[in-house]
C-alpha atoms as a PDB file:
ATOM      1  CA  UNK A   1     110.608 135.173  17.530  1.00  0.00           C
ATOM      2  CA  UNK A   2     112.021 138.161  19.332  1.00  0.00           C
ATOM      3  CA  UNK A   3     108.971 138.556  21.534  1.00  0.00           C
ATOM      4  CA  UNK A   4     109.376 134.864  22.731  1.00  0.00           C
ATOM      5  CA  UNK A   5     112.933 135.652  23.845  1.00  0.00           C
ATOM      6  CA  UNK A   6     111.911 138.866  25.581  1.00  0.00           C
ATOM      7  CA  UNK A   7     109.123 136.857  27.340  1.00  0.00           C
ATOM      8  CA  UNK A   8     111.514 134.133  28.230  1.00  0.00           C
ATOM      9  CA  UNK A   9     114.012 136.607  29.686  1.00  0.00           C
ATOM     10  CA  UNK A  10     111.342 138.458  31.634  1.00  0.00           C
ATOM     11  CA  UNK A  11     110.109 135.114  33.064  1.00  0.00           C
ATOM     12  CA  UNK A  12     113.694 134.195  34.141  1.00  0.00           C
ATOM     13  CA  UNK A  13     114.170 137.640  35.754  1.00  0.00           C
ATOM     14  CA  UNK A  14     110.751 137.231  37.428  1.00  0.00           C
ATOM     15  CA  UNK A  15     111.710 133.843  38.845  1.00  0.00           C
ATOM     16  CA  UNK A  16     115.045 135.141  40.080  1.00  0.00           C
ATOM     17  CA  UNK A  17     113.285 138.057  41.819  1.00  0.00           C
ATOM     18  CA  UNK A  18     110.758 135.637  43.414  1.00  0.00           C
ATOM     19  CA  UNK A  19     113.747 133.434  44.572  1.00  0.00           C
ATOM     20  CA  UNK A  20     115.558 136.370  46.125  1.00  0.00           C
ATOM     21  CA  UNK A  21     112.404 137.681  47.916  1.00  0.00           C
ATOM     22  CA  UNK A  22     111.475 134.302  49.223  1.00  0.00           C
ATOM     23  CA  UNK A  23     114.964 133.676  50.474  1.00  0.00           C
ATOM     24  CA  UNK A  24     115.159 137.087  52.082  1.00  0.00           C
ATOM     25  CA  UNK A  25     111.795 136.644  53.848  1.00  0.00           C
ATOM     26  CA  UNK A  26     112.716 133.141  55.120  1.00  0.00           C
ATOM     27  CA  UNK A  27     116.022 134.363  56.479  1.00  0.00           C
ATOM     28  CA  UNK A  28     114.421 137.376  58.204  1.00  0.00           C
ATOM     29  CA  UNK A  29     111.649 135.086  59.805  1.00  0.00           C
ATOM     30  CA  UNK A  30     114.375 132.589  60.772  1.00  0.00           C
ATOM     31  CA  UNK A  31     116.470 135.229  62.421  1.00  0.00           C
ATOM     32  CA  UNK A  32     113.496 136.483  64.249  1.00  0.00           C
ATOM     33  CA  UNK A  33     112.700 133.077  65.568  1.00  0.00           C
ATOM     34  CA  UNK A  34     116.311 132.526  66.719  1.00  0.00           C
ATOM     35  CA  UNK A  35     116.411 135.924  68.448  1.00  0.00           C
ATOM     36  CA  UNK A  36     112.959 135.228  70.023  1.00  0.00           C
ATOM     37  CA  UNK A  37     114.190 131.822  71.419  1.00  0.00           C
ATOM     38  CA  UNK A  38     117.499 133.402  72.503  1.00  0.00           C
ATOM     39  CA  UNK A  39     115.907 136.226  74.388  1.00  0.00           C
ATOM     40  CA  UNK A  40     113.561 133.861  76.203  1.00  0.00           C
ATOM     41  CA  UNK A  41     116.443 131.470  76.962  1.00  0.00           C
ATOM     42  CA  UNK A  42     114.260 128.446  76.367  1.00  0.00           C
ATOM     43  CA  UNK A  43     117.137 125.932  75.579  1.00  0.00           C
ATOM     44  CA  UNK A  44     119.378 126.860  78.614  1.00  0.00           C
ATOM     45  CA  UNK A  45     116.408 126.840  80.911  1.00  0.00           C
ATOM     46  CA  UNK A  46     115.150 123.466  79.521  1.00  0.00           C
ATOM     47  CA  UNK A  47     118.686 122.029  79.984  1.00  0.00           C
ATOM     48  CA  UNK A  48     118.899 123.442  83.540  1.00  0.00           C
ATOM     49  CA  UNK A  49     115.585 122.004  84.553  1.00  0.00           C
ATOM     50  CA  UNK A  50     116.003 118.662  82.989  1.00  0.00           C
ATOM     51  CA  UNK A  51     119.703 118.328  84.003  1.00  0.00           C
ATOM     52  CA  UNK A  52     120.647 117.259  80.484  1.00  0.00           C
ATOM     53  CA  UNK A  53     123.605 119.547  79.689  1.00  0.00           C
ATOM     54  CA  UNK A  54     125.221 116.775  77.638  1.00  0.00           C
ATOM     55  CA  UNK A  55     122.301 116.790  75.151  1.00  0.00           C
ATOM     56  CA  UNK A  56     122.148 120.578  74.504  1.00  0.00           C
ATOM     57  CA  UNK A  57     123.097 119.897  70.809  1.00  0.00           C
ATOM     58  CA  UNK A  58     120.084 117.669  70.449  1.00  0.00           C
ATOM     59  CA  UNK A  59     117.772 120.411  71.647  1.00  0.00           C
ATOM     60  CA  UNK A  60     119.277 122.894  69.256  1.00  0.00           C
ATOM     61  CA  UNK A  61     119.128 120.418  66.326  1.00  0.00           C
ATOM     62  CA  UNK A  62     115.495 119.474  67.257  1.00  0.00           C
ATOM     63  CA  UNK A  63     114.547 123.169  66.896  1.00  0.00           C
ATOM     64  CA  UNK A  64     116.468 123.658  63.634  1.00  0.00           C
ATOM     65  CA  UNK A  65     115.040 120.467  62.084  1.00  0.00           C
ATOM     66  CA  UNK A  66     111.485 121.258  63.270  1.00  0.00           C
ATOM     67  CA  UNK A  67     111.659 124.788  61.799  1.00  0.00           C
ATOM     68  CA  UNK A  68     112.935 123.383  58.475  1.00  0.00           C
ATOM     69  CA  UNK A  69     110.241 120.661  58.295  1.00  0.00           C
ATOM     70  CA  UNK A  70     107.657 123.046  59.392  1.00  0.00           C
ATOM     71  CA  UNK A  71     108.545 125.530  56.598  1.00  0.00           C
ATOM     72  CA  UNK A  72     108.792 122.766  54.054  1.00  0.00           C
ATOM     73  CA  UNK A  73     105.361 121.418  55.076  1.00  0.00           C
ATOM     74  CA  UNK A  74     103.738 124.885  54.830  1.00  0.00           C
ATOM     75  CA  UNK A  75     105.154 125.313  51.362  1.00  0.00           C
ATOM     76  CA  UNK A  76     103.798 122.003  50.184  1.00  0.00           C
ATOM     77  CA  UNK A  77     100.335 120.753  50.498  1.00  0.00           C
ATOM     78  CA  UNK A  78     101.229 117.927  52.897  1.00  0.00           C
ATOM     79  CA  UNK A  79      98.461 115.784  54.329  1.00  0.00           C
ATOM     80  CA  UNK A  80      99.158 112.828  56.554  1.00  0.00           C
ATOM     81  CA  UNK A  81      96.472 110.174  56.877  1.00  0.00           C
ATOM     82  CA  UNK A  82      96.987 109.037  60.411  1.00  0.00           C
ATOM     83  CA  UNK A  83      94.857 107.233  62.853  1.00  0.00           C
ATOM     84  CA  UNK A  84      93.383 108.969  65.889  1.00  0.00           C
ATOM     85  CA  UNK A  85      95.831 106.994  68.058  1.00  0.00           C
ATOM     86  CA  UNK A  86      98.897 108.707  66.415  1.00  0.00           C
ATOM     87  CA  UNK A  87      97.329 112.107  66.522  1.00  0.00           C
ATOM     88  CA  UNK A  88      97.144 111.975  70.327  1.00  0.00           C
ATOM     89  CA  UNK A  89     100.884 112.105  70.995  1.00  0.00           C
ATOM     90  CA  UNK A  90     101.368 114.532  68.199  1.00  0.00           C
ATOM     91  CA  UNK A  91      98.676 116.842  69.776  1.00  0.00           C
ATOM     92  CA  UNK A  92     100.270 116.369  73.226  1.00  0.00           C
ATOM     93  CA  UNK A  93     103.749 117.306  71.825  1.00  0.00           C
ATOM     94  CA  UNK A  94     102.326 120.442  70.174  1.00  0.00           C
ATOM     95  CA  UNK A  95     100.556 121.425  73.411  1.00  0.00           C
ATOM     96  CA  UNK A  96     103.690 120.812  75.503  1.00  0.00           C
ATOM     97  CA  UNK A  97     105.738 123.027  73.059  1.00  0.00           C
ATOM     98  CA  UNK A  98     103.155 125.883  73.229  1.00  0.00           C
ATOM     99  CA  UNK A  99     102.922 125.565  76.993  1.00  0.00           C
ATOM    100  CA  UNK A 100     106.638 125.673  77.502  1.00  0.00           C
ATOM    101  CA  UNK A 101     106.887 128.678  75.193  1.00  0.00           C
ATOM    102  CA  UNK A 102     104.122 130.485  77.080  1.00  0.00           C
ATOM    103  CA  UNK A 103     105.719 129.577  80.421  1.00  0.00           C
ATOM    104  CA  UNK A 104     109.125 130.833  79.319  1.00  0.00           C
ATOM    105  CA  UNK A 105     107.613 134.105  78.195  1.00  0.00           C
ATOM    106  CA  UNK A 106     105.667 134.642  81.397  1.00  0.00           C
ATOM    107  CA  UNK A 107     108.823 133.724  83.460  1.00  0.00           C
ATOM    108  CA  UNK A 108     110.935 136.242  81.517  1.00  0.00           C
ATOM    109  CA  UNK A 109     108.531 139.097  82.119  1.00  0.00           C
ATOM    110  CA  UNK A 110     107.423 137.867  85.539  1.00  0.00           C
ATOM    111  CA  UNK A 111     103.743 138.283  84.731  1.00  0.00           C
ATOM    112  CA  UNK A 112     102.243 136.003  87.322  1.00  0.00           C
ATOM    113  CA  UNK A 113     103.976 137.331  90.530  1.00  0.00           C
ATOM    114  CA  UNK A 114     103.056 140.940  89.455  1.00  0.00           C
ATOM    115  CA  UNK A 115      99.529 139.788  88.733  1.00  0.00           C
ATOM    116  CA  UNK A 116      99.151 138.145  92.174  1.00  0.00           C
ATOM    117  CA  UNK A 117     100.387 141.276  93.927  1.00  0.00           C
ATOM    118  CA  UNK A 118      98.034 143.514  91.884  1.00  0.00           C
ATOM    119  CA  UNK A 119      94.892 141.549  92.670  1.00  0.00           C
ATOM    120  CA  UNK A 120      95.853 141.015  96.228  1.00  0.00           C
ATOM    121  CA  UNK A 121      96.519 137.331  96.477  1.00  0.00           C
ATOM    122  CA  UNK A 122     100.228 137.265  97.328  1.00  0.00           C
ATOM    123  CA  UNK A 123     100.156 134.157  99.409  1.00  0.00           C
ATOM    124  CA  UNK A 124      97.968 132.210  96.941  1.00  0.00           C
ATOM    125  CA  UNK A 125     100.262 131.940  93.898  1.00  0.00           C
ATOM    126  CA  UNK A 126      99.625 128.232  93.396  1.00  0.00           C
ATOM    127  CA  UNK A 127      95.961 128.909  93.185  1.00  0.00           C
ATOM    128  CA  UNK A 128      96.459 131.528  90.479  1.00  0.00           C
ATOM    129  CA  UNK A 129      98.722 129.162  88.527  1.00  0.00           C
ATOM    130  CA  UNK A 130      96.185 126.267  88.848  1.00  0.00           C
ATOM    131  CA  UNK A 131      93.415 128.590  87.577  1.00  0.00           C
ATOM    132  CA  UNK A 132      95.467 129.538  84.579  1.00  0.00           C
ATOM    133  CA  UNK A 133      96.243 125.901  83.789  1.00  0.00           C
ATOM    134  CA  UNK A 134      92.714 124.644  84.269  1.00  0.00           C
ATOM    135  CA  UNK A 135      91.306 127.625  82.255  1.00  0.00           C
ATOM    136  CA  UNK A 136      93.719 126.784  79.401  1.00  0.00           C
ATOM    137  CA  UNK A 137      92.827 123.131  79.452  1.00  0.00           C
ATOM    138  CA  UNK A 138      89.056 123.760  79.476  1.00  0.00           C
ATOM    139  CA  UNK A 139      89.279 126.373  76.761  1.00  0.00           C
ATOM    140  CA  UNK A 140      91.264 124.117  74.627  1.00  0.00           C
ATOM    141  CA  UNK A 141      88.962 121.146  75.222  1.00  0.00           C
ATOM    142  CA  UNK A 142      85.905 123.394  74.472  1.00  0.00           C
ATOM    143  CA  UNK A 143      87.454 124.620  71.238  1.00  0.00           C
ATOM    144  CA  UNK A 144      88.427 121.182  70.003  1.00  0.00           C
ATOM    145  CA  UNK A 145      85.261 119.382  71.070  1.00  0.00           C
ATOM    146  CA  UNK A 146      82.883 122.069  69.992  1.00  0.00           C
ATOM    147  CA  UNK A 147      84.325 124.039  67.068  1.00  0.00           C
ATOM    148  CA  UNK A 148      86.239 121.303  65.289  1.00  0.00           C
ATOM    149  CA  UNK A 149      83.167 119.108  64.866  1.00  0.00           C
ATOM    150  CA  UNK A 150      80.897 121.964  63.717  1.00  0.00           C
END
């Protein structure tokens, strides 16, 4: 009888420790995400470019709700049985998010102007940008059309 109580107490302590470790890890990752987005200045830049200063709270809440739902979906084995027509806008939205994140990162560290000066094509910045865009599109299409089916 005593061993069952000891095992029950150890199980409870184990669960409490898992809870504390999981909560701590989630808070650290969340703080890192907020710091990353703050350093890049994605929300203020998006508001500035789209001239939607009145909707800044919607942008912030969209990021918070997206992070919460994304974390919840990763903890659960969530599968959605969607048609291909619904997957197209979802994929476009994910691509736009990744593209905006990459564009914000390159804008902050000024990669593209430095690259064009280094390789000697100062006056052809638009060509360098289009090469990057088309390379990303072709690489993504190749990945999705070839590797996903095989």
